[in-house]
Amino acid sequence: MDMIGDQGRLLMRLLSAATERSKVISGNIANQNVPGFKRATFEFESLLMKEMSSMNPNMASVQGEKVKDANAAVGPNGNSVNAESERNAMRENMLRYEMYVAIAKGRNDLIYSAINGDR
């Protein structure tokens, strides 16, 4: 019996994507003073939405990817990291992560109630 299901696996992948995005943002912040460093982003949700809008979506095939941000403004030293933008991205990512955890907890609570008869 598959207790996790497709939705549970998707939630785990969303949590993993948020974790990877946190690592990428942390790397950007750590390199904010390195000349020539180009900031990166971690894309997953946008790729997932694109796959979901296709004729035969296969969400399990969607893989997150680290992407260099070619549109970011570059400073005099060639670095494209903006510390304030990175802090905002980290806050947004933290909220996403907390939302995914809350959804997963709700699913687990429902399963627990079903098994224990809500005692």
PDB file of N, CA and C in Angstrom:
ATOM      1  N   MET A   1       0.845  -1.184   0.000  1.00  0.00           N
ATOM      2  CA  MET A   1       0.000   0.000   0.000  1.00  0.00           C
ATOM      3  C   MET A   1       0.885   1.242   0.000  1.00  0.00           C
ATOM      4  N   ASP A   2       0.594   2.152  -0.888  1.00  0.00           N
ATOM      5  CA  ASP A   2       1.377   3.377  -1.036  1.00  0.00           C
ATOM      6  C   ASP A   2       0.767   4.479  -0.177  1.00  0.00           C
ATOM      7  N   MET A   3       1.362   4.709   1.006  1.00  0.00           N
ATOM      8  CA  MET A   3       0.825   5.707   1.941  1.00  0.00           C
ATOM      9  C   MET A   3       1.182   7.134   1.523  1.00  0.00           C
ATOM     10  N   ILE A   4       2.263   7.275   0.787  1.00  0.00           N
ATOM     11  CA  ILE A   4       2.713   8.618   0.414  1.00  0.00           C
ATOM     12  C   ILE A   4       1.951   9.122  -0.801  1.00  0.00           C
ATOM     13  N   GLY A   5       1.879   8.335  -1.842  1.00  0.00           N
ATOM     14  CA  GLY A   5       1.154   8.710  -3.041  1.00  0.00           C
ATOM     15  C   GLY A   5       1.877   9.759  -3.864  1.00  0.00           C
ATOM     16  N   ASP A   6       1.320  10.059  -5.015  1.00  0.00           N
ATOM     17  CA  ASP A   6       1.918  11.043  -5.923  1.00  0.00           C
ATOM     18  C   ASP A   6       1.969  12.430  -5.300  1.00  0.00           C
ATOM     19  N   GLN A   7       0.915  12.804  -4.588  1.00  0.00           N
ATOM     20  CA  GLN A   7       0.890  14.130  -3.963  1.00  0.00           C
ATOM     21  C   GLN A   7       1.955  14.256  -2.885  1.00  0.00           C
ATOM     22  N   GLY A   8       2.132  13.204  -2.107  1.00  0.00           N
ATOM     23  CA  GLY A   8       3.163  13.218  -1.070  1.00  0.00           C
ATOM     24  C   GLY A   8       4.554  13.308  -1.663  1.00  0.00           C
ATOM     25  N   ARG A   9       4.777  12.566  -2.748  1.00  0.00           N
ATOM     26  CA  ARG A   9       6.084  12.632  -3.419  1.00  0.00           C
ATOM     27  C   ARG A   9       6.318  14.029  -3.991  1.00  0.00           C
ATOM     28  N   LEU A  10       5.272  14.636  -4.531  1.00  0.00           N
ATOM     29  CA  LEU A  10       5.402  16.000  -5.053  1.00  0.00           C
ATOM     30  C   LEU A  10       5.743  16.972  -3.929  1.00  0.00           C
ATOM     31  N   LEU A  11       5.100  16.823  -2.783  1.00  0.00           N
ATOM     32  CA  LEU A  11       5.420  17.683  -1.637  1.00  0.00           C
ATOM     33  C   LEU A  11       6.875  17.522  -1.215  1.00  0.00           C
ATOM     34  N   MET A  12       7.363  16.290  -1.201  1.00  0.00           N
ATOM     35  CA  MET A  12       8.763  16.053  -0.829  1.00  0.00           C
ATOM     36  C   MET A  12       9.706  16.706  -1.842  1.00  0.00           C
ATOM     37  N   ARG A  13       9.340  16.661  -3.114  1.00  0.00           N
ATOM     38  CA  ARG A  13      10.172  17.299  -4.138  1.00  0.00           C
ATOM     39  C   ARG A  13      10.138  18.817  -3.996  1.00  0.00           C
ATOM     40  N   LEU A  14       8.982  19.374  -3.639  1.00  0.00           N
ATOM     41  CA  LEU A  14       8.881  20.817  -3.408  1.00  0.00           C
ATOM     42  C   LEU A  14       9.737  21.225  -2.216  1.00  0.00           C
ATOM     43  N   LEU A  15       9.713  20.421  -1.161  1.00  0.00           N
ATOM     44  CA  LEU A  15      10.567  20.698  -0.001  1.00  0.00           C
ATOM     45  C   LEU A  15      12.046  20.632  -0.378  1.00  0.00           C
ATOM     46  N   SER A  16      12.405  19.646  -1.167  1.00  0.00           N
ATOM     47  CA  SER A  16      13.798  19.523  -1.624  1.00  0.00           C
ATOM     48  C   SER A  16      14.199  20.712  -2.488  1.00  0.00           C
ATOM     49  N   ALA A  17      13.284  21.163  -3.341  1.00  0.00           N
ATOM     50  CA  ALA A  17      13.575  22.319  -4.193  1.00  0.00           C
ATOM     51  C   ALA A  17      13.799  23.567  -3.342  1.00  0.00           C
ATOM     52  N   ALA A  18      12.993  23.746  -2.302  1.00  0.00           N
ATOM     53  CA  ALA A  18      13.173  24.899  -1.414  1.00  0.00           C
ATOM     54  C   ALA A  18      14.512  24.815  -0.696  1.00  0.00           C
ATOM     55  N   THR A  19      14.923  23.622  -0.328  1.00  0.00           N
ATOM     56  CA  THR A  19      16.224  23.439   0.322  1.00  0.00           C
ATOM     57  C   THR A  19      17.360  23.783  -0.640  1.00  0.00           C
ATOM     58  N   GLU A  20      17.262  23.294  -1.876  1.00  0.00           N
ATOM     59  CA  GLU A  20      18.289  23.602  -2.880  1.00  0.00           C
ATOM     60  C   GLU A  20      18.327  25.101  -3.180  1.00  0.00           C
ATOM     61  N   ARG A  21      17.146  25.734  -3.249  1.00  0.00           N
ATOM     62  CA  ARG A  21      17.091  27.177  -3.510  1.00  0.00           C
ATOM     63  C   ARG A  21      17.774  27.938  -2.381  1.00  0.00           C
ATOM     64  N   SER A  22      17.602  27.475  -1.160  1.00  0.00           N
ATOM     65  CA  SER A  22      18.246  28.106  -0.011  1.00  0.00           C
ATOM     66  C   SER A  22      19.769  28.034  -0.137  1.00  0.00           C
ATOM     67  N   LYS A  23      20.272  26.900  -0.597  1.00  0.00           N
ATOM     68  CA  LYS A  23      21.718  26.742  -0.798  1.00  0.00           C
ATOM     69  C   LYS A  23      22.238  27.692  -1.873  1.00  0.00           C
ATOM     70  N   VAL A  24      21.477  27.834  -2.956  1.00  0.00           N
ATOM     71  CA  VAL A  24      21.891  28.733  -4.050  1.00  0.00           C
ATOM     72  C   VAL A  24      21.905  30.180  -3.563  1.00  0.00           C
ATOM     73  N   ILE A  25      20.860  30.581  -2.844  1.00  0.00           N
ATOM     74  CA  ILE A  25      20.797  31.951  -2.327  1.00  0.00           C
ATOM     75  C   ILE A  25      21.940  32.193  -1.336  1.00  0.00           C
ATOM     76  N   SER A  26      22.213  31.218  -0.484  1.00  0.00           N
ATOM     77  CA  SER A  26      23.322  31.351   0.468  1.00  0.00           C
ATOM     78  C   SER A  26      24.649  31.510  -0.264  1.00  0.00           C
ATOM     79  N   GLY A  27      24.818  30.771  -1.351  1.00  0.00           N
ATOM     80  CA  GLY A  27      26.026  30.904  -2.171  1.00  0.00           C
ATOM     81  C   GLY A  27      26.139  32.291  -2.778  1.00  0.00           C
ATOM     82  N   ASN A  28      25.010  32.838  -3.216  1.00  0.00           N
ATOM     83  CA  ASN A  28      25.014  34.205  -3.760  1.00  0.00           C
ATOM     84  C   ASN A  28      25.463  35.194  -2.690  1.00  0.00           C
ATOM     85  N   ILE A  29      24.882  35.063  -1.494  1.00  0.00           N
ATOM     86  CA  ILE A  29      25.225  35.981  -0.402  1.00  0.00           C
ATOM     87  C   ILE A  29      26.699  35.844  -0.026  1.00  0.00           C
ATOM     88  N   ALA A  30      27.183  34.617   0.030  1.00  0.00           N
ATOM     89  CA  ALA A  30      28.585  34.381   0.405  1.00  0.00           C
ATOM     90  C   ALA A  30      29.557  34.979  -0.612  1.00  0.00           C
ATOM     91  N   ASN A  31      29.113  35.115  -1.864  1.00  0.00           N
ATOM     92  CA  ASN A  31      29.990  35.617  -2.920  1.00  0.00           C
ATOM     93  C   ASN A  31      29.647  37.028  -3.371  1.00  0.00           C
ATOM     94  N   GLN A  32      28.940  37.776  -2.532  1.00  0.00           N
ATOM     95  CA  GLN A  32      28.500  39.108  -2.935  1.00  0.00           C
ATOM     96  C   GLN A  32      29.633  40.106  -3.164  1.00  0.00           C
ATOM     97  N   ASN A  33      30.815  39.813  -2.650  1.00  0.00           N
ATOM     98  CA  ASN A  33      31.952  40.718  -2.831  1.00  0.00           C
ATOM     99  C   ASN A  33      33.023  40.158  -3.763  1.00  0.00           C
ATOM    100  N   VAL A  34      32.739  39.027  -4.394  1.00  0.00           N
ATOM    101  CA  VAL A  34      33.711  38.407  -5.293  1.00  0.00           C
ATOM    102  C   VAL A  34      33.590  39.049  -6.677  1.00  0.00           C
ATOM    103  N   PRO A  35      34.653  39.670  -7.164  1.00  0.00           N
ATOM    104  CA  PRO A  35      34.592  40.313  -8.483  1.00  0.00           C
ATOM    105  C   PRO A  35      34.219  39.305  -9.580  1.00  0.00           C
ATOM    106  N   GLY A  36      33.278  39.705 -10.421  1.00  0.00           N
ATOM    107  CA  GLY A  36      32.887  38.880 -11.555  1.00  0.00           C
ATOM    108  C   GLY A  36      31.883  37.778 -11.248  1.00  0.00           C
ATOM    109  N   PHE A  37      31.497  37.624  -9.975  1.00  0.00           N
ATOM    110  CA  PHE A  37      30.547  36.561  -9.623  1.00  0.00           C
ATOM    111  C   PHE A  37      29.162  36.899 -10.165  1.00  0.00           C
ATOM    112  N   LYS A  38      28.518  35.919 -10.777  1.00  0.00           N
ATOM    113  CA  LYS A  38      27.169  36.092 -11.313  1.00  0.00           C
ATOM    114  C   LYS A  38      26.191  35.335 -10.428  1.00  0.00           C
ATOM    115  N   ARG A  39      25.155  36.014  -9.986  1.00  0.00           N
ATOM    116  CA  ARG A  39      24.163  35.382  -9.114  1.00  0.00           C
ATOM    117  C   ARG A  39      23.436  34.272  -9.854  1.00  0.00           C
ATOM    118  N   ALA A  40      22.930  33.328  -9.084  1.00  0.00           N
ATOM    119  CA  ALA A  40      22.195  32.208  -9.655  1.00  0.00           C
ATOM    120  C   ALA A  40      20.834  32.102  -8.973  1.00  0.00           C
ATOM    121  N   THR A  41      19.937  31.393  -9.611  1.00  0.00           N
ATOM    122  CA  THR A  41      18.631  31.087  -9.033  1.00  0.00           C
ATOM    123  C   THR A  41      18.418  29.580  -9.143  1.00  0.00           C
ATOM    124  N   PHE A  42      17.451  29.074  -8.409  1.00  0.00           N
ATOM    125  CA  PHE A  42      17.081  27.665  -8.519  1.00  0.00           C
ATOM    126  C   PHE A  42      15.639  27.607  -8.975  1.00  0.00           C
ATOM    127  N   GLU A  43      15.426  27.046 -10.140  1.00  0.00           N
ATOM    128  CA  GLU A  43      14.091  26.969 -10.733  1.00  0.00           C
ATOM    129  C   GLU A  43      13.498  25.579 -10.532  1.00  0.00           C
ATOM    130  N   PHE A  44      12.305  25.508 -10.014  1.00  0.00           N
ATOM    131  CA  PHE A  44      11.578  24.242  -9.943  1.00  0.00           C
ATOM    132  C   PHE A  44      10.083  24.477 -10.177  1.00  0.00           C
ATOM    133  N   GLU A  45       9.475  25.341  -9.372  1.00  0.00           N
ATOM    134  CA  GLU A  45       8.033  25.547  -9.464  1.00  0.00           C
ATOM    135  C   GLU A  45       7.613  26.013 -10.857  1.00  0.00           C
ATOM    136  N   SER A  46       8.400  26.894 -11.468  1.00  0.00           N
ATOM    137  CA  SER A  46       8.050  27.369 -12.813  1.00  0.00           C
ATOM    138  C   SER A  46       8.141  26.235 -13.835  1.00  0.00           C
ATOM    139  N   LEU A  47       9.127  25.363 -13.680  1.00  0.00           N
ATOM    140  CA  LEU A  47       9.258  24.204 -14.569  1.00  0.00           C
ATOM    141  C   LEU A  47       8.108  23.227 -14.345  1.00  0.00           C
ATOM    142  N   LEU A  48       7.701  23.087 -13.094  1.00  0.00           N
ATOM    143  CA  LEU A  48       6.583  22.209 -12.762  1.00  0.00           C
ATOM    144  C   LEU A  48       5.285  22.743 -13.376  1.00  0.00           C
ATOM    145  N   MET A  49       5.066  24.034 -13.272  1.00  0.00           N
ATOM    146  CA  MET A  49       3.857  24.639 -13.858  1.00  0.00           C
ATOM    147  C   MET A  49       3.840  24.473 -15.373  1.00  0.00           C
ATOM    148  N   LYS A  50       4.995  24.633 -15.992  1.00  0.00           N
ATOM    149  CA  LYS A  50       5.093  24.452 -17.441  1.00  0.00           C
ATOM    150  C   LYS A  50       4.733  23.020 -17.826  1.00  0.00           C
ATOM    151  N   GLU A  51       5.238  22.054 -17.061  1.00  0.00           N
ATOM    152  CA  GLU A  51       4.939  20.648 -17.332  1.00  0.00           C
ATOM    153  C   GLU A  51       3.452  20.359 -17.111  1.00  0.00           C
ATOM    154  N   MET A  52       2.871  20.955 -16.083  1.00  0.00           N
ATOM    155  CA  MET A  52       1.457  20.731 -15.782  1.00  0.00           C
ATOM    156  C   MET A  52       0.545  21.267 -16.880  1.00  0.00           C
ATOM    157  N   SER A  53       1.005  22.269 -17.607  1.00  0.00           N
ATOM    158  CA  SER A  53       0.181  22.842 -18.674  1.00  0.00           C
ATOM    159  C   SER A  53       0.336  22.102 -20.007  1.00  0.00           C
ATOM    160  N   SER A  54       1.207  21.099 -20.040  1.00  0.00           N
ATOM    161  CA  SER A  54       1.391  20.331 -21.275  1.00  0.00           C
ATOM    162  C   SER A  54       0.235  19.350 -21.456  1.00  0.00           C
ATOM    163  N   MET A  55       0.155  18.752 -22.634  1.00  0.00           N
ATOM    164  CA  MET A  55      -0.935  17.835 -22.954  1.00  0.00           C
ATOM    165  C   MET A  55      -0.910  16.575 -22.084  1.00  0.00           C
ATOM    166  N   ASN A  56       0.244  15.984 -21.893  1.00  0.00           N
ATOM    167  CA  ASN A  56       0.399  14.780 -21.066  1.00  0.00           C
ATOM    168  C   ASN A  56       1.436  15.041 -19.983  1.00  0.00           C
ATOM    169  N   PRO A  57       1.032  15.710 -18.894  1.00  0.00           N
ATOM    170  CA  PRO A  57       2.026  16.070 -17.884  1.00  0.00           C
ATOM    171  C   PRO A  57       2.616  14.860 -17.171  1.00  0.00           C
ATOM    172  N   ASN A  58       3.919  14.921 -16.994  1.00  0.00           N
ATOM    173  CA  ASN A  58       4.640  13.911 -16.227  1.00  0.00           C
ATOM    174  C   ASN A  58       5.445  14.664 -15.177  1.00  0.00           C
ATOM    175  N   MET A  59       4.801  14.936 -14.053  1.00  0.00           N
ATOM    176  CA  MET A  59       5.435  15.765 -13.032  1.00  0.00           C
ATOM    177  C   MET A  59       6.664  15.111 -12.422  1.00  0.00           C
ATOM    178  N   ALA A  60       6.727  13.788 -12.458  1.00  0.00           N
ATOM    179  CA  ALA A  60       7.886  13.081 -11.907  1.00  0.00           C
ATOM    180  C   ALA A  60       9.151  13.341 -12.726  1.00  0.00           C
ATOM    181  N   SER A  61       8.971  13.766 -13.981  1.00  0.00           N
ATOM    182  CA  SER A  61      10.129  14.008 -14.838  1.00  0.00           C
ATOM    183  C   SER A  61      10.749  15.392 -14.626  1.00  0.00           C
ATOM    184  N   VAL A  62      10.067  16.267 -13.913  1.00  0.00           N
ATOM    185  CA  VAL A  62      10.555  17.632 -13.716  1.00  0.00           C
ATOM    186  C   VAL A  62      11.712  17.630 -12.725  1.00  0.00           C
ATOM    187  N   GLN A  63      12.817  18.202 -13.158  1.00  0.00           N
ATOM    188  CA  GLN A  63      14.005  18.322 -12.318  1.00  0.00           C
ATOM    189  C   GLN A  63      14.318  19.799 -12.117  1.00  0.00           C
ATOM    190  N   GLY A  64      14.606  20.176 -10.883  1.00  0.00           N
ATOM    191  CA  GLY A  64      15.012  21.547 -10.612  1.00  0.00           C
ATOM    192  C   GLY A  64      16.386  21.809 -11.200  1.00  0.00           C
ATOM    193  N   GLU A  65      16.647  23.067 -11.463  1.00  0.00           N
ATOM    194  CA  GLU A  65      17.962  23.390 -12.012  1.00  0.00           C
ATOM    195  C   GLU A  65      18.454  24.750 -11.535  1.00  0.00           C
ATOM    196  N   LYS A  66      19.751  24.801 -11.320  1.00  0.00           N
ATOM    197  CA  LYS A  66      20.427  26.039 -10.954  1.00  0.00           C
ATOM    198  C   LYS A  66      20.706  26.801 -12.243  1.00  0.00           C
ATOM    199  N   VAL A  67      20.299  28.080 -12.270  1.00  0.00           N
ATOM    200  CA  VAL A  67      20.412  28.884 -13.486  1.00  0.00           C
ATOM    201  C   VAL A  67      21.120  30.196 -13.160  1.00  0.00           C
ATOM    202  N   LYS A  68      22.079  30.572 -13.994  1.00  0.00           N
ATOM    203  CA  LYS A  68      22.719  31.881 -13.843  1.00  0.00           C
ATOM    204  C   LYS A  68      21.717  32.955 -14.261  1.00  0.00           C
ATOM    205  N   ASP A  69      21.620  34.014 -13.472  1.00  0.00           N
ATOM    206  CA  ASP A  69      20.679  35.097 -13.747  1.00  0.00           C
ATOM    207  C   ASP A  69      21.326  36.095 -14.704  1.00  0.00           C
ATOM    208  N   ALA A  70      20.982  35.989 -15.984  1.00  0.00           N
ATOM    209  CA  ALA A  70      21.576  36.852 -17.004  1.00  0.00           C
ATOM    210  C   ALA A  70      20.992  38.262 -16.979  1.00  0.00           C
ATOM    211  N   ASN A  71      19.850  38.444 -16.308  1.00  0.00           N
ATOM    212  CA  ASN A  71      19.174  39.744 -16.299  1.00  0.00           C
ATOM    213  C   ASN A  71      19.539  40.619 -15.103  1.00  0.00           C
ATOM    214  N   ALA A  72      20.298  40.090 -14.161  1.00  0.00           N
ATOM    215  CA  ALA A  72      20.655  40.849 -12.961  1.00  0.00           C
ATOM    216  C   ALA A  72      21.622  41.981 -13.308  1.00  0.00           C
ATOM    217  N   ALA A  73      21.405  43.112 -12.652  1.00  0.00           N
ATOM    218  CA  ALA A  73      22.290  44.267 -12.853  1.00  0.00           C
ATOM    219  C   ALA A  73      23.681  43.943 -12.320  1.00  0.00           C
ATOM    220  N   VAL A  74      24.685  44.353 -13.070  1.00  0.00           N
ATOM    221  CA  VAL A  74      26.074  44.075 -12.711  1.00  0.00           C
ATOM    222  C   VAL A  74      26.704  45.346 -12.156  1.00  0.00           C
ATOM    223  N   GLY A  75      27.412  45.197 -11.026  1.00  0.00           N
ATOM    224  CA  GLY A  75      28.092  46.321 -10.400  1.00  0.00           C
ATOM    225  C   GLY A  75      29.418  46.618 -11.072  1.00  0.00           C
ATOM    226  N   PRO A  76      30.131  47.627 -10.578  1.00  0.00           N
ATOM    227  CA  PRO A  76      31.413  48.022 -11.170  1.00  0.00           C
ATOM    228  C   PRO A  76      32.469  46.916 -11.175  1.00  0.00           C
ATOM    229  N   ASN A  77      32.385  45.997 -10.215  1.00  0.00           N
ATOM    230  CA  ASN A  77      33.373  44.919 -10.158  1.00  0.00           C
ATOM    231  C   ASN A  77      32.915  43.674 -10.923  1.00  0.00           C
ATOM    232  N   GLY A  78      31.796  43.774 -11.657  1.00  0.00           N
ATOM    233  CA  GLY A  78      31.297  42.648 -12.444  1.00  0.00           C
ATOM    234  C   GLY A  78      30.436  41.678 -11.663  1.00  0.00           C
ATOM    235  N   ASN A  79      30.182  41.967 -10.384  1.00  0.00           N
ATOM    236  CA  ASN A  79      29.363  41.103  -9.534  1.00  0.00           C
ATOM    237  C   ASN A  79      27.897  41.494  -9.684  1.00  0.00           C
ATOM    238  N   SER A  80      27.015  40.502  -9.779  1.00  0.00           N
ATOM    239  CA  SER A  80      25.595  40.796  -9.979  1.00  0.00           C
ATOM    240  C   SER A  80      24.723  40.478  -8.764  1.00  0.00           C
ATOM    241  N   VAL A  81      25.347  40.302  -7.588  1.00  0.00           N
ATOM    242  CA  VAL A  81      24.584  39.986  -6.374  1.00  0.00           C
ATOM    243  C   VAL A  81      24.180  41.274  -5.672  1.00  0.00           C
ATOM    244  N   ASN A  82      22.894  41.375  -5.359  1.00  0.00           N
ATOM    245  CA  ASN A  82      22.358  42.476  -4.575  1.00  0.00           C
ATOM    246  C   ASN A  82      21.927  41.885  -3.239  1.00  0.00           C
ATOM    247  N   ALA A  83      22.595  42.275  -2.160  1.00  0.00           N
ATOM    248  CA  ALA A  83      22.363  41.663  -0.843  1.00  0.00           C
ATOM    249  C   ALA A  83      20.910  41.788  -0.406  1.00  0.00           C
ATOM    250  N   GLU A  84      20.300  42.922  -0.635  1.00  0.00           N
ATOM    251  CA  GLU A  84      18.902  43.117  -0.221  1.00  0.00           C
ATOM    252  C   GLU A  84      17.964  42.192  -0.997  1.00  0.00           C
ATOM    253  N   SER A  85      18.188  42.055  -2.288  1.00  0.00           N
ATOM    254  CA  SER A  85      17.366  41.151  -3.098  1.00  0.00           C
ATOM    255  C   SER A  85      17.531  39.710  -2.656  1.00  0.00           C
ATOM    256  N   GLU A  86      18.748  39.335  -2.282  1.00  0.00           N
ATOM    257  CA  GLU A  86      18.997  37.968  -1.825  1.00  0.00           C
ATOM    258  C   GLU A  86      18.302  37.704  -0.490  1.00  0.00           C
ATOM    259  N   ARG A  87      18.325  38.683   0.405  1.00  0.00           N
ATOM    260  CA  ARG A  87      17.613  38.520   1.681  1.00  0.00           C
ATOM    261  C   ARG A  87      16.118  38.359   1.441  1.00  0.00           C
ATOM    262  N   ASN A  88      15.568  39.144   0.515  1.00  0.00           N
ATOM    263  CA  ASN A  88      14.147  39.013   0.181  1.00  0.00           C
ATOM    264  C   ASN A  88      13.846  37.652  -0.433  1.00  0.00           C
ATOM    265  N   ALA A  89      14.733  37.181  -1.293  1.00  0.00           N
ATOM    266  CA  ALA A  89      14.553  35.858  -1.899  1.00  0.00           C
ATOM    267  C   ALA A  89      14.607  34.770  -0.826  1.00  0.00           C
ATOM    268  N   MET A  90      15.483  34.933   0.159  1.00  0.00           N
ATOM    269  CA  MET A  90      15.584  33.955   1.242  1.00  0.00           C
ATOM    270  C   MET A  90      14.302  33.942   2.077  1.00  0.00           C
ATOM    271  N   ARG A  91      13.748  35.132   2.354  1.00  0.00           N
ATOM    272  CA  ARG A  91      12.490  35.203   3.112  1.00  0.00           C
ATOM    273  C   ARG A  91      11.353  34.540   2.341  1.00  0.00           C
ATOM    274  N   GLU A  92      11.261  34.829   1.056  1.00  0.00           N
ATOM    275  CA  GLU A  92      10.219  34.226   0.221  1.00  0.00           C
ATOM    276  C   GLU A  92      10.364  32.709   0.198  1.00  0.00           C
ATOM    277  N   ASN A  93      11.580  32.242   0.062  1.00  0.00           N
ATOM    278  CA  ASN A  93      11.829  30.805   0.035  1.00  0.00           C
ATOM    279  C   ASN A  93      11.471  30.165   1.374  1.00  0.00           C
ATOM    280  N   MET A  94      11.765  30.848   2.463  1.00  0.00           N
ATOM    281  CA  MET A  94      11.423  30.338   3.790  1.00  0.00           C
ATOM    282  C   MET A  94       9.907  30.197   3.934  1.00  0.00           C
ATOM    283  N   LEU A  95       9.160  31.177   3.428  1.00  0.00           N
ATOM    284  CA  LEU A  95       7.698  31.100   3.485  1.00  0.00           C
ATOM    285  C   LEU A  95       7.176  29.936   2.650  1.00  0.00           C
ATOM    286  N   ARG A  96       7.759  29.725   1.482  1.00  0.00           N
ATOM    287  CA  ARG A  96       7.379  28.575   0.657  1.00  0.00           C
ATOM    288  C   ARG A  96       7.623  27.277   1.413  1.00  0.00           C
ATOM    289  N   TYR A  97       8.801  27.173   2.001  1.00  0.00           N
ATOM    290  CA  TYR A  97       9.164  25.959   2.729  1.00  0.00           C
ATOM    291  C   TYR A  97       8.172  25.705   3.862  1.00  0.00           C
ATOM    292  N   GLU A  98       7.856  26.744   4.629  1.00  0.00           N
ATOM    293  CA  GLU A  98       6.915  26.603   5.737  1.00  0.00           C
ATOM    294  C   GLU A  98       5.527  26.202   5.237  1.00  0.00           C
ATOM    295  N   MET A  99       5.118  26.724   4.091  1.00  0.00           N
ATOM    296  CA  MET A  99       3.830  26.349   3.516  1.00  0.00           C
ATOM    297  C   MET A  99       3.832  24.874   3.131  1.00  0.00           C
ATOM    298  N   TYR A 100       4.891  24.415   2.481  1.00  0.00           N
ATOM    299  CA  TYR A 100       4.984  23.010   2.078  1.00  0.00           C
ATOM    300  C   TYR A 100       4.966  22.097   3.307  1.00  0.00           C
ATOM    301  N   VAL A 101       5.650  22.492   4.376  1.00  0.00           N
ATOM    302  CA  VAL A 101       5.674  21.702   5.605  1.00  0.00           C
ATOM    303  C   VAL A 101       4.272  21.646   6.218  1.00  0.00           C
ATOM    304  N   ALA A 102       3.559  22.778   6.216  1.00  0.00           N
ATOM    305  CA  ALA A 102       2.207  22.804   6.772  1.00  0.00           C
ATOM    306  C   ALA A 102       1.270  21.885   5.984  1.00  0.00           C
ATOM    307  N   ILE A 103       1.410  21.876   4.668  1.00  0.00           N
ATOM    308  CA  ILE A 103       0.586  20.993   3.832  1.00  0.00           C
ATOM    309  C   ILE A 103       0.925  19.533   4.138  1.00  0.00           C
ATOM    310  N   ALA A 104       2.208  19.223   4.227  1.00  0.00           N
ATOM    311  CA  ALA A 104       2.630  17.850   4.530  1.00  0.00           C
ATOM    312  C   ALA A 104       2.129  17.420   5.906  1.00  0.00           C
ATOM    313  N   LYS A 105       2.196  18.314   6.874  1.00  0.00           N
ATOM    314  CA  LYS A 105       1.712  17.992   8.219  1.00  0.00           C
ATOM    315  C   LYS A 105       0.207  17.728   8.182  1.00  0.00           C
ATOM    316  N   GLY A 106      -0.536  18.523   7.445  1.00  0.00           N
ATOM    317  CA  GLY A 106      -1.976  18.307   7.332  1.00  0.00           C
ATOM    318  C   GLY A 106      -2.297  16.947   6.735  1.00  0.00           C
ATOM    319  N   ARG A 107      -1.550  16.569   5.703  1.00  0.00           N
ATOM    320  CA  ARG A 107      -1.750  15.244   5.083  1.00  0.00           C
ATOM    321  C   ARG A 107      -1.435  14.135   6.088  1.00  0.00           C
ATOM    322  N   ASN A 108      -0.334  14.290   6.813  1.00  0.00           N
ATOM    323  CA  ASN A 108       0.039  13.277   7.797  1.00  0.00           C
ATOM    324  C   ASN A 108      -0.997  13.173   8.918  1.00  0.00           C
ATOM    325  N   ASP A 109      -1.534  14.313   9.341  1.00  0.00           N
ATOM    326  CA  ASP A 109      -2.567  14.309  10.376  1.00  0.00           C
ATOM    327  C   ASP A 109      -3.822  13.579   9.896  1.00  0.00           C
ATOM    328  N   LEU A 110      -4.183  13.759   8.635  1.00  0.00           N
ATOM    329  CA  LEU A 110      -5.348  13.056   8.082  1.00  0.00           C
ATOM    330  C   LEU A 110      -5.108  11.549   8.058  1.00  0.00           C
ATOM    331  N   ILE A 111      -3.934  11.134   7.654  1.00  0.00           N
ATOM    332  CA  ILE A 111      -3.603   9.711   7.619  1.00  0.00           C
ATOM    333  C   ILE A 111      -3.621   9.139   9.028  1.00  0.00           C
ATOM    334  N   TYR A 112      -3.046   9.868   9.976  1.00  0.00           N
ATOM    335  CA  TYR A 112      -3.025   9.427  11.369  1.00  0.00           C
ATOM    336  C   TYR A 112      -4.448   9.270  11.897  1.00  0.00           C
ATOM    337  N   SER A 113      -5.315  10.238  11.612  1.00  0.00           N
ATOM    338  CA  SER A 113      -6.707  10.167  12.061  1.00  0.00           C
ATOM    339  C   SER A 113      -7.429   8.987  11.439  1.00  0.00           C
ATOM    340  N   ALA A 114      -7.154   8.730  10.163  1.00  0.00           N
ATOM    341  CA  ALA A 114      -7.801   7.602   9.494  1.00  0.00           C
ATOM    342  C   ALA A 114      -7.371   6.270  10.099  1.00  0.00           C
ATOM    343  N   ILE A 115      -6.121   6.165  10.451  1.00  0.00           N
ATOM    344  CA  ILE A 115      -5.611   4.912  11.015  1.00  0.00           C
ATOM    345  C   ILE A 115      -6.114   4.705  12.444  1.00  0.00           C
ATOM    346  N   ASN A 116      -6.103   5.758  13.244  1.00  0.00           N
ATOM    347  CA  ASN A 116      -6.449   5.654  14.656  1.00  0.00           C
ATOM    348  C   ASN A 116      -7.913   5.956  14.953  1.00  0.00           C
ATOM    349  N   GLY A 117      -8.713   6.205  13.951  1.00  0.00           N
ATOM    350  CA  GLY A 117     -10.113   6.490  14.186  1.00  0.00           C
ATOM    351  C   GLY A 117     -10.339   7.794  14.916  1.00  0.00           C
ATOM    352  N   ASP A 118      -9.405   8.719  14.778  1.00  0.00           N
ATOM    353  CA  ASP A 118      -9.481  10.051  15.395  1.00  0.00           C
ATOM    354  C   ASP A 118      -9.712   9.967  16.907  1.00  0.00           C
ATOM    355  N   ARG A 119      -8.945   9.085  17.564  1.00  0.00           N
ATOM    356  CA  ARG A 119      -9.061   8.916  19.023  1.00  0.00           C
ATOM    357  C   ARG A 119      -8.263   9.933  19.752  1.00  0.00           C
TER     358      ARG A 119
END
